[in-house]
Amino acid sequence: MWVLREAPGRGAAQSRGRRGGPVATVAVDTLGADRGAAEVAAGASSAAREGTRCVLFGPEAEIRAGILEDSVGAVEIVDAPTGISNRDEPARAARAQPNASIVQAARAVADGRADALLSAGPTGAALAAATLHMKRLPGVYRPAVAVVLPVPGGQVVMLDAGANVEVRPEHLVQFAHMGAAFTESVLGLERPRVALLSVGEEPEKGTPDLVAAHEQLAGSSLNFIGNVEGGGVVEGRSDVVVTDGFTGNIALKLMEGTARSIVGAIRDAARSGTLSKVGGLLLKPKLAGLRDRLDPERVGGAYLLGLRGLVVICHGNSSRRAIASAVELAARGVEEQVVGKTAEALSAAGVLRGGESPVPSGDQGRGSSVAAGTFDARP
């Protein structure tokens, strides 16, 4: 049985969070990432060096190979060489492989030995393990991946970005309330504008499920502004954009790829000749700011909303810099009480299934045991 120990060499100056509370402990699953366990370990150890406790689950030898030299005493290692791959059926594998790294990491959060879970492995595996052990918030149909995207003049929260391939109208409605609750209570934006992602702005545009969700949201207490098309997302026409996980994941990766291409094209143009290089030097401070703003590695990951514990999902191809940013995102989510505030807002809005009340902030007790997500468990 694993028992969390405080990492050696940590002084009193690192024992308190930025708000004076205890430092968050993040359980990091190192298996399943495209760049390997060592790269994940390097990113997590970099974040741990800055003050967040990290417990790394995965093959010990690979983890030790990736830990930065000056961070050896800042992390805890749990040898868990078994992983769940994209070829496995997530819900079945999470139950059949209790020693898998992602399952052990999820159990650590459920048991209170860690405050948040982070994974760059298969989203389905993380969702299955988290739902199995942390449980959904009572009354939540399905968890959803919520990513914060930079747009001109601010940011927009898009969900679902990859957890649920197929959804029903009531799922989209609940996603809208979860996104609004997160935006208002965590990001501090009062009465955020909520929109559905569709192929046209007219209420009748889209699939039958989208049309039905539009009708329900139009009669809700949300500041619902109707449909937005893809261009409206990046133009910042709404503060929350709601869609299914299939569409959302494609839209997210398209936007990230476009941003990288634009920054790369600007860089190449600035190096194309003598005059361009001079102009590039003059523009360098501004271009650096644009690059940082559009860089998905600056954020690192996305919150999985709707569970009793905090979960951060990362890209499978995340670099160590992205992992370090994601650990910071997880720690910030703990400090901001993302789970508790979202649950309270959902309850206040009266959109929980069957009128169930959420668990109090910080409570990760047992609830519904039905896993939901891309592995298609109903409802």
Protein backbone atom coordinates (compact mmCIF):
# COMPACT_ATOMS: atom_id res chain seq x y z
CA MET A 1 0.00 0.00 0.00
CA TRP A 2 1.40 3.35 -1.01
CA VAL A 3 1.60 6.03 1.65
CA LEU A 4 2.30 9.60 0.61
CA ARG A 5 5.42 11.01 2.22
CA GLU A 6 6.52 14.63 2.05
CA ALA A 7 9.33 14.89 -0.44
CA PRO A 8 12.68 15.42 1.28
CA GLY A 9 14.50 18.71 1.14
CA ARG A 10 11.43 20.94 1.15
CA GLY A 11 11.71 23.92 3.45
CA ALA A 12 9.01 25.82 5.30
CA ALA A 13 9.01 28.46 2.55
CA GLN A 14 7.57 25.90 0.14
CA SER A 15 5.01 24.45 2.52
CA ARG A 16 2.32 27.04 1.83
CA GLY A 17 0.41 27.79 -1.35
CA ARG A 18 0.10 31.20 -2.97
CA ARG A 19 -3.03 31.89 -0.92
CA GLY A 20 -1.51 30.75 2.35
CA GLY A 21 -3.04 27.25 2.24
CA PRO A 22 -1.18 23.96 1.94
CA VAL A 23 0.70 23.27 -1.29
CA ALA A 24 -1.35 21.18 -3.71
CA THR A 25 -0.31 17.59 -4.40
CA VAL A 26 -0.74 16.49 -8.03
CA ALA A 27 -0.82 12.79 -8.97
CA VAL A 28 0.82 12.57 -12.42
CA ASP A 29 0.30 9.58 -14.70
CA THR A 30 3.48 9.31 -16.79
CA LEU A 31 2.40 6.48 -19.10
CA GLY A 32 0.62 6.80 -22.43
CA ALA A 33 2.14 10.13 -23.49
CA ASP A 34 3.59 10.25 -27.00
CA ARG A 35 7.00 11.46 -25.82
CA GLY A 36 7.36 8.88 -23.08
CA ALA A 37 7.39 8.77 -19.30
CA ALA A 38 10.76 10.52 -19.02
CA GLU A 39 9.45 13.64 -20.77
CA VAL A 40 6.40 13.78 -18.49
CA ALA A 41 8.65 13.31 -15.46
CA ALA A 42 10.90 16.16 -16.61
CA GLY A 43 7.95 18.53 -16.88
CA ALA A 44 6.44 17.48 -13.56
CA SER A 45 9.77 17.75 -11.75
CA SER A 46 10.24 21.24 -13.19
CA ALA A 47 6.88 22.26 -11.72
CA ALA A 48 7.70 20.54 -8.43
CA ARG A 49 10.89 22.54 -8.24
CA GLU A 50 8.73 25.67 -8.23
CA GLY A 51 6.73 24.49 -5.24
CA THR A 52 3.92 22.08 -6.26
CA ARG A 53 4.15 18.57 -4.82
CA CYS A 54 4.11 15.93 -7.55
CA VAL A 55 3.66 12.17 -7.20
CA LEU A 56 4.68 10.39 -10.40
CA PHE A 57 3.07 7.06 -11.34
CA GLY A 58 4.81 4.90 -13.94
CA PRO A 59 7.95 2.85 -14.58
CA GLU A 60 10.45 3.97 -11.94
CA ALA A 61 13.56 3.68 -14.11
CA GLU A 62 12.08 5.85 -16.88
CA ILE A 63 10.79 8.40 -14.39
CA ARG A 64 14.18 8.70 -12.70
CA ALA A 65 15.82 9.17 -16.10
CA GLY A 66 13.61 12.17 -16.78
CA ILE A 67 13.67 13.95 -13.44
CA LEU A 68 15.71 17.13 -13.61
CA GLU A 69 18.90 16.94 -11.59
CA ASP A 70 18.01 19.76 -9.20
CA SER A 71 14.50 18.36 -8.64
CA VAL A 72 15.31 14.87 -7.36
CA GLY A 73 14.09 15.65 -3.85
CA ALA A 74 10.97 17.49 -4.97
CA VAL A 75 8.94 14.56 -6.28
CA GLU A 76 7.59 11.21 -5.10
CA ILE A 77 7.77 8.14 -7.35
CA VAL A 78 5.32 5.24 -7.36
CA ASP A 79 6.53 2.35 -9.51
CA ALA A 80 3.57 1.46 -11.76
CA PRO A 81 4.90 0.00 -15.02
CA THR A 82 1.48 -1.09 -16.35
CA GLY A 83 -0.47 1.31 -18.54
CA ILE A 84 -3.77 1.48 -20.44
CA SER A 85 -3.32 2.09 -24.17
CA ASN A 86 -5.57 3.43 -26.91
CA ARG A 87 -6.15 -0.16 -28.02
CA ASP A 88 -7.83 -1.06 -24.71
CA GLU A 89 -11.50 -0.52 -23.98
CA PRO A 90 -11.15 2.16 -21.27
CA ALA A 91 -13.92 1.25 -18.80
CA ARG A 92 -13.14 -2.46 -18.91
CA ALA A 93 -9.37 -1.88 -18.63
CA ALA A 94 -9.77 0.51 -15.68
CA ARG A 95 -11.62 -2.20 -13.75
CA ALA A 96 -9.43 -5.12 -14.89
CA GLN A 97 -6.08 -3.40 -14.27
CA PRO A 98 -6.14 -1.93 -10.75
CA ASN A 99 -2.35 -1.55 -10.79
CA ALA A 100 -2.27 0.51 -14.00
CA SER A 101 -0.57 3.87 -13.52
CA ILE A 102 -3.66 5.96 -14.35
CA VAL A 103 -5.86 3.86 -12.04
CA GLN A 104 -3.42 4.18 -9.13
CA ALA A 105 -3.16 7.94 -9.70
CA ALA A 106 -6.96 8.30 -9.75
CA ARG A 107 -7.25 6.25 -6.55
CA ALA A 108 -4.73 8.55 -4.87
CA VAL A 109 -7.04 11.50 -5.47
CA ALA A 110 -10.16 9.58 -4.47
CA ASP A 111 -8.50 8.49 -1.22
CA GLY A 112 -7.30 12.00 -0.38
CA ARG A 113 -3.60 11.26 -0.86
CA ALA A 114 -3.45 13.78 -3.72
CA ASP A 115 -5.52 16.83 -4.63
CA ALA A 116 -5.59 16.52 -8.42
CA LEU A 117 -4.91 14.06 -11.24
CA LEU A 118 -2.96 14.90 -14.39
CA SER A 119 -2.59 12.69 -17.45
CA ALA A 120 -1.19 13.03 -20.97
CA GLY A 121 -2.24 9.46 -21.80
CA PRO A 122 -5.46 8.38 -23.55
CA THR A 123 -8.36 10.61 -22.52
CA GLY A 124 -10.70 7.63 -22.36
CA ALA A 125 -8.46 5.86 -19.85
CA ALA A 126 -8.19 8.96 -17.66
CA LEU A 127 -11.94 9.53 -17.81
CA ALA A 128 -12.71 5.89 -17.04
CA ALA A 129 -10.29 5.68 -14.10
CA ALA A 130 -11.39 9.03 -12.68
CA THR A 131 -15.09 8.24 -13.03
CA LEU A 132 -14.62 4.79 -11.52
CA HIS A 133 -12.75 5.98 -8.43
CA MET A 134 -13.53 9.68 -7.94
CA LYS A 135 -17.13 9.37 -9.19
CA ARG A 136 -19.22 11.95 -10.95
CA LEU A 137 -20.79 14.76 -9.01
CA PRO A 138 -24.29 13.59 -8.04
CA GLY A 139 -26.73 14.69 -10.71
CA VAL A 140 -24.11 15.15 -13.47
CA TYR A 141 -24.83 13.15 -16.62
CA ARG A 142 -21.32 13.16 -18.06
CA PRO A 143 -18.01 14.89 -17.33
CA ALA A 144 -16.73 17.27 -20.02
CA VAL A 145 -13.30 18.56 -20.97
CA ALA A 146 -13.25 22.37 -20.63
CA VAL A 147 -10.37 24.19 -22.33
CA VAL A 148 -9.65 27.92 -21.96
CA LEU A 149 -8.73 29.43 -25.34
CA PRO A 150 -7.16 32.86 -25.95
CA VAL A 151 -9.22 35.13 -28.20
CA PRO A 152 -8.90 38.84 -29.06
CA GLY A 153 -9.55 40.83 -25.92
CA GLY A 154 -9.96 37.88 -23.60
CA GLN A 155 -10.57 34.16 -23.48
CA VAL A 156 -13.31 31.64 -24.21
CA VAL A 157 -14.13 28.35 -22.48
CA MET A 158 -14.99 25.54 -24.89
CA LEU A 159 -16.51 22.25 -23.77
CA ASP A 160 -16.65 19.39 -24.47
CA ALA A 161 -13.18 19.17 -26.03
CA GLY A 162 -12.86 15.41 -26.17
CA ALA A 163 -14.60 13.38 -23.48
CA ASN A 164 -17.93 12.52 -25.16
CA VAL A 165 -18.18 11.61 -28.83
CA GLU A 166 -21.99 11.37 -28.83
CA VAL A 167 -24.28 13.47 -26.66
CA ARG A 168 -27.98 14.16 -26.18
CA PRO A 169 -29.64 17.57 -25.75
CA GLU A 170 -29.72 17.29 -21.95
CA HIS A 171 -25.97 16.66 -21.94
CA LEU A 172 -25.31 19.81 -23.96
CA VAL A 173 -27.56 21.80 -21.65
CA GLN A 174 -25.64 20.60 -18.63
CA PHE A 175 -22.31 21.32 -20.36
CA ALA A 176 -23.54 24.87 -20.88
CA HIS A 177 -24.30 25.27 -17.18
CA MET A 178 -20.96 23.70 -16.19
CA GLY A 179 -19.07 26.03 -18.52
CA ALA A 180 -20.96 29.07 -17.29
CA ALA A 181 -20.43 28.06 -13.66
CA PHE A 182 -16.71 27.58 -14.24
CA THR A 183 -16.35 30.86 -16.12
CA GLU A 184 -18.25 32.85 -13.52
CA SER A 185 -16.96 31.31 -10.30
CA VAL A 186 -13.37 30.53 -11.30
CA LEU A 187 -12.51 33.00 -14.07
CA GLY A 188 -14.52 35.76 -12.41
CA LEU A 189 -16.65 36.77 -15.40
CA GLU A 190 -20.17 37.68 -14.33
CA ARG A 191 -23.05 36.47 -16.52
CA PRO A 192 -20.86 34.94 -19.24
CA ARG A 193 -22.29 34.76 -22.75
CA VAL A 194 -23.05 31.13 -23.65
CA ALA A 195 -23.39 29.82 -27.20
CA LEU A 196 -23.81 26.53 -29.06
CA LEU A 197 -21.30 25.69 -31.80
CA SER A 198 -23.25 25.04 -34.99
CA VAL A 199 -23.21 25.43 -38.78
CA GLY A 200 -25.30 28.58 -38.69
CA GLU A 201 -26.55 31.22 -36.30
CA GLU A 202 -30.25 30.54 -36.88
CA PRO A 203 -31.98 28.49 -34.11
CA GLU A 204 -33.07 25.80 -36.57
CA LYS A 205 -29.53 25.18 -37.89
CA GLY A 206 -27.67 22.03 -36.85
CA THR A 207 -28.56 18.48 -35.90
CA PRO A 208 -31.89 17.67 -34.21
CA ASP A 209 -30.06 17.36 -30.88
CA LEU A 210 -28.52 20.82 -31.31
CA VAL A 211 -31.89 22.32 -32.20
CA ALA A 212 -33.46 20.71 -29.12
CA ALA A 213 -30.61 21.92 -26.89
CA HIS A 214 -31.00 25.42 -28.35
CA GLU A 215 -34.67 25.45 -27.41
CA GLN A 216 -33.94 24.34 -23.84
CA LEU A 217 -31.10 26.83 -23.36
CA ALA A 218 -33.18 29.68 -24.75
CA GLY A 219 -35.61 29.13 -21.87
CA SER A 220 -32.92 28.75 -19.21
CA SER A 221 -31.49 31.22 -16.72
CA LEU A 222 -28.20 31.40 -18.63
CA ASN A 223 -27.09 34.38 -20.68
CA PHE A 224 -27.62 32.31 -23.81
CA ILE A 225 -26.91 34.19 -27.05
CA GLY A 226 -27.74 31.40 -29.50
CA ASN A 227 -25.53 29.65 -32.03
CA VAL A 228 -22.04 30.62 -33.15
CA GLU A 229 -20.15 29.30 -36.14
CA GLY A 230 -16.49 28.32 -36.06
CA GLY A 231 -15.32 31.84 -36.88
CA GLY A 232 -17.32 33.22 -33.99
CA VAL A 233 -15.34 31.11 -31.53
CA VAL A 234 -11.98 32.69 -32.35
CA GLU A 235 -13.54 36.15 -32.67
CA GLY A 236 -14.68 35.95 -29.04
CA ARG A 237 -18.38 36.39 -29.73
CA SER A 238 -19.20 34.34 -26.64
CA ASP A 239 -17.47 33.50 -23.37
CA VAL A 240 -18.57 29.84 -23.32
CA VAL A 241 -18.90 27.62 -26.41
CA VAL A 242 -20.75 24.31 -26.04
CA THR A 243 -20.39 21.31 -28.34
CA ASP A 244 -19.92 17.54 -28.32
CA GLY A 245 -16.48 16.05 -27.68
CA PHE A 246 -15.96 14.90 -31.26
CA THR A 247 -16.57 18.32 -32.78
CA GLY A 248 -14.85 20.12 -29.93
CA ASN A 249 -11.66 18.08 -30.18
CA ILE A 250 -11.42 18.65 -33.93
CA ALA A 251 -12.05 22.39 -33.48
CA LEU A 252 -9.44 22.62 -30.71
CA LYS A 253 -6.71 20.88 -32.70
CA LEU A 254 -7.55 22.88 -35.81
CA MET A 255 -7.20 26.15 -33.90
CA GLU A 256 -3.94 25.08 -32.28
CA GLY A 257 -2.49 23.91 -35.58
CA THR A 258 -3.54 27.14 -37.30
CA ALA A 259 -1.94 29.21 -34.54
CA ARG A 260 1.35 27.34 -34.88
CA SER A 261 1.29 27.73 -38.66
CA ILE A 262 0.64 31.48 -38.46
CA VAL A 263 3.41 32.07 -35.93
CA GLY A 264 5.78 29.93 -38.02
CA ALA A 265 4.89 31.79 -41.22
CA ILE A 266 5.51 35.16 -39.55
CA ARG A 267 8.85 33.93 -38.24
CA ASP A 268 9.92 32.64 -41.65
CA ALA A 269 8.86 35.89 -43.35
CA ALA A 270 10.86 37.92 -40.82
CA ARG A 271 13.97 35.93 -41.73
CA SER A 272 13.53 35.99 -45.51
CA GLY A 273 15.84 38.92 -46.30
CA THR A 274 17.95 41.73 -44.88
CA LEU A 275 15.13 44.26 -44.68
CA SER A 276 12.80 41.61 -43.30
CA LYS A 277 15.34 40.73 -40.62
CA VAL A 278 15.62 44.39 -39.59
CA GLY A 279 11.84 44.64 -39.44
CA GLY A 280 11.72 41.36 -37.57
CA LEU A 281 14.06 42.72 -34.91
CA LEU A 282 11.80 45.72 -34.44
CA LEU A 283 8.74 43.51 -34.22
CA LYS A 284 10.37 40.82 -32.08
CA PRO A 285 8.91 41.94 -28.72
CA LYS A 286 5.40 42.08 -30.18
CA LEU A 287 5.79 38.78 -32.02
CA ALA A 288 7.08 37.12 -28.87
CA GLY A 289 3.96 38.23 -27.03
CA LEU A 290 1.75 36.93 -29.85
CA ARG A 291 3.61 33.61 -29.88
CA ASP A 292 3.24 33.19 -26.13
CA ARG A 293 -0.45 34.06 -26.26
CA LEU A 294 -1.17 31.55 -29.03
CA ASP A 295 1.08 28.83 -27.64
CA PRO A 296 -1.06 25.93 -26.27
CA GLU A 297 1.91 24.81 -24.15
CA ARG A 298 1.52 27.96 -22.08
CA VAL A 299 -1.74 26.57 -20.64
CA GLY A 300 -0.72 22.92 -20.86
CA GLY A 301 -4.04 21.19 -20.31
CA ALA A 302 -7.79 21.36 -19.74
CA TYR A 303 -10.03 20.69 -16.73
CA LEU A 304 -12.34 17.67 -16.75
CA LEU A 305 -15.49 19.11 -15.15
CA GLY A 306 -18.28 17.13 -13.53
CA LEU A 307 -16.27 14.85 -11.22
CA ARG A 308 -15.84 14.88 -7.45
CA GLY A 309 -12.09 15.28 -7.87
CA LEU A 310 -9.99 17.62 -9.97
CA VAL A 311 -8.60 16.21 -13.23
CA VAL A 312 -6.42 17.90 -15.86
CA ILE A 313 -6.15 16.36 -19.34
CA CYS A 314 -3.08 17.09 -21.50
CA HIS A 315 -2.26 16.56 -25.16
CA GLY A 316 -0.65 13.21 -25.82
CA ASN A 317 2.23 15.02 -27.53
CA SER A 318 2.84 17.40 -24.62
CA SER A 319 6.41 18.55 -24.10
CA ARG A 320 7.97 18.95 -20.66
CA ARG A 321 7.11 22.65 -20.82
CA ALA A 322 3.45 21.84 -21.46
CA ILE A 323 3.42 19.30 -18.62
CA ALA A 324 4.92 21.86 -16.23
CA SER A 325 2.22 24.35 -17.26
CA ALA A 326 -0.45 21.68 -16.75
CA VAL A 327 0.80 20.91 -13.24
CA GLU A 328 0.54 24.62 -12.48
CA LEU A 329 -3.00 24.59 -13.94
CA ALA A 330 -3.92 21.68 -11.65
CA ALA A 331 -2.48 23.41 -8.59
CA ARG A 332 -4.35 26.57 -9.47
CA GLY A 333 -7.55 24.57 -9.86
CA VAL A 334 -7.12 23.20 -6.34
CA GLU A 335 -6.54 26.67 -4.93
CA GLU A 336 -9.51 28.10 -6.84
CA GLN A 337 -11.75 25.21 -5.66
CA VAL A 338 -12.87 24.44 -9.21
CA VAL A 339 -14.76 21.30 -8.19
CA GLY A 340 -16.66 22.82 -5.29
CA LYS A 341 -17.55 26.08 -7.01
CA THR A 342 -18.76 24.34 -10.15
CA ALA A 343 -20.88 21.92 -8.11
CA GLU A 344 -22.47 24.73 -6.11
CA ALA A 345 -23.29 26.69 -9.26
CA LEU A 346 -24.85 23.64 -10.92
CA SER A 347 -27.01 23.02 -7.86
CA ALA A 348 -28.09 26.65 -7.70
CA ALA A 349 -29.07 26.53 -11.39
CA GLY A 350 -31.28 23.48 -10.77
CA VAL A 351 -29.88 21.47 -13.69
CA LEU A 352 -28.63 18.39 -11.83
CA ARG A 353 -30.29 15.16 -12.88
CA GLY A 354 -33.08 14.18 -10.50
CA GLY A 355 -32.51 17.30 -8.41
CA GLU A 356 -29.56 15.75 -6.61
CA SER A 357 -27.34 18.00 -4.50
CA PRO A 358 -23.60 18.13 -5.09
CA VAL A 359 -21.07 17.00 -2.52
CA PRO A 360 -19.51 19.79 -0.47
CA SER A 361 -16.27 21.32 -1.74
CA GLY A 362 -13.37 18.96 -1.17
CA ASP A 363 -15.59 15.90 -0.54
CA GLN A 364 -14.71 13.03 -2.87
CA GLY A 365 -16.96 10.40 -1.39
CA ARG A 366 -18.76 7.68 -3.31
CA GLY A 367 -21.50 8.47 -5.78
CA SER A 368 -22.79 7.08 -9.06
CA SER A 369 -20.56 4.29 -10.32
CA VAL A 370 -21.58 4.43 -13.98
CA ALA A 371 -18.63 5.56 -16.09
CA ALA A 372 -19.40 7.92 -18.95
CA GLY A 373 -17.49 9.36 -21.84
CA THR A 374 -15.94 8.36 -25.12
CA PHE A 375 -16.26 4.70 -24.17
CA ASP A 376 -20.01 5.26 -24.49
CA ALA A 377 -21.66 4.38 -21.23
CA ARG A 378 -25.17 5.75 -20.96
CA PRO A 379 -27.06 7.92 -20.17
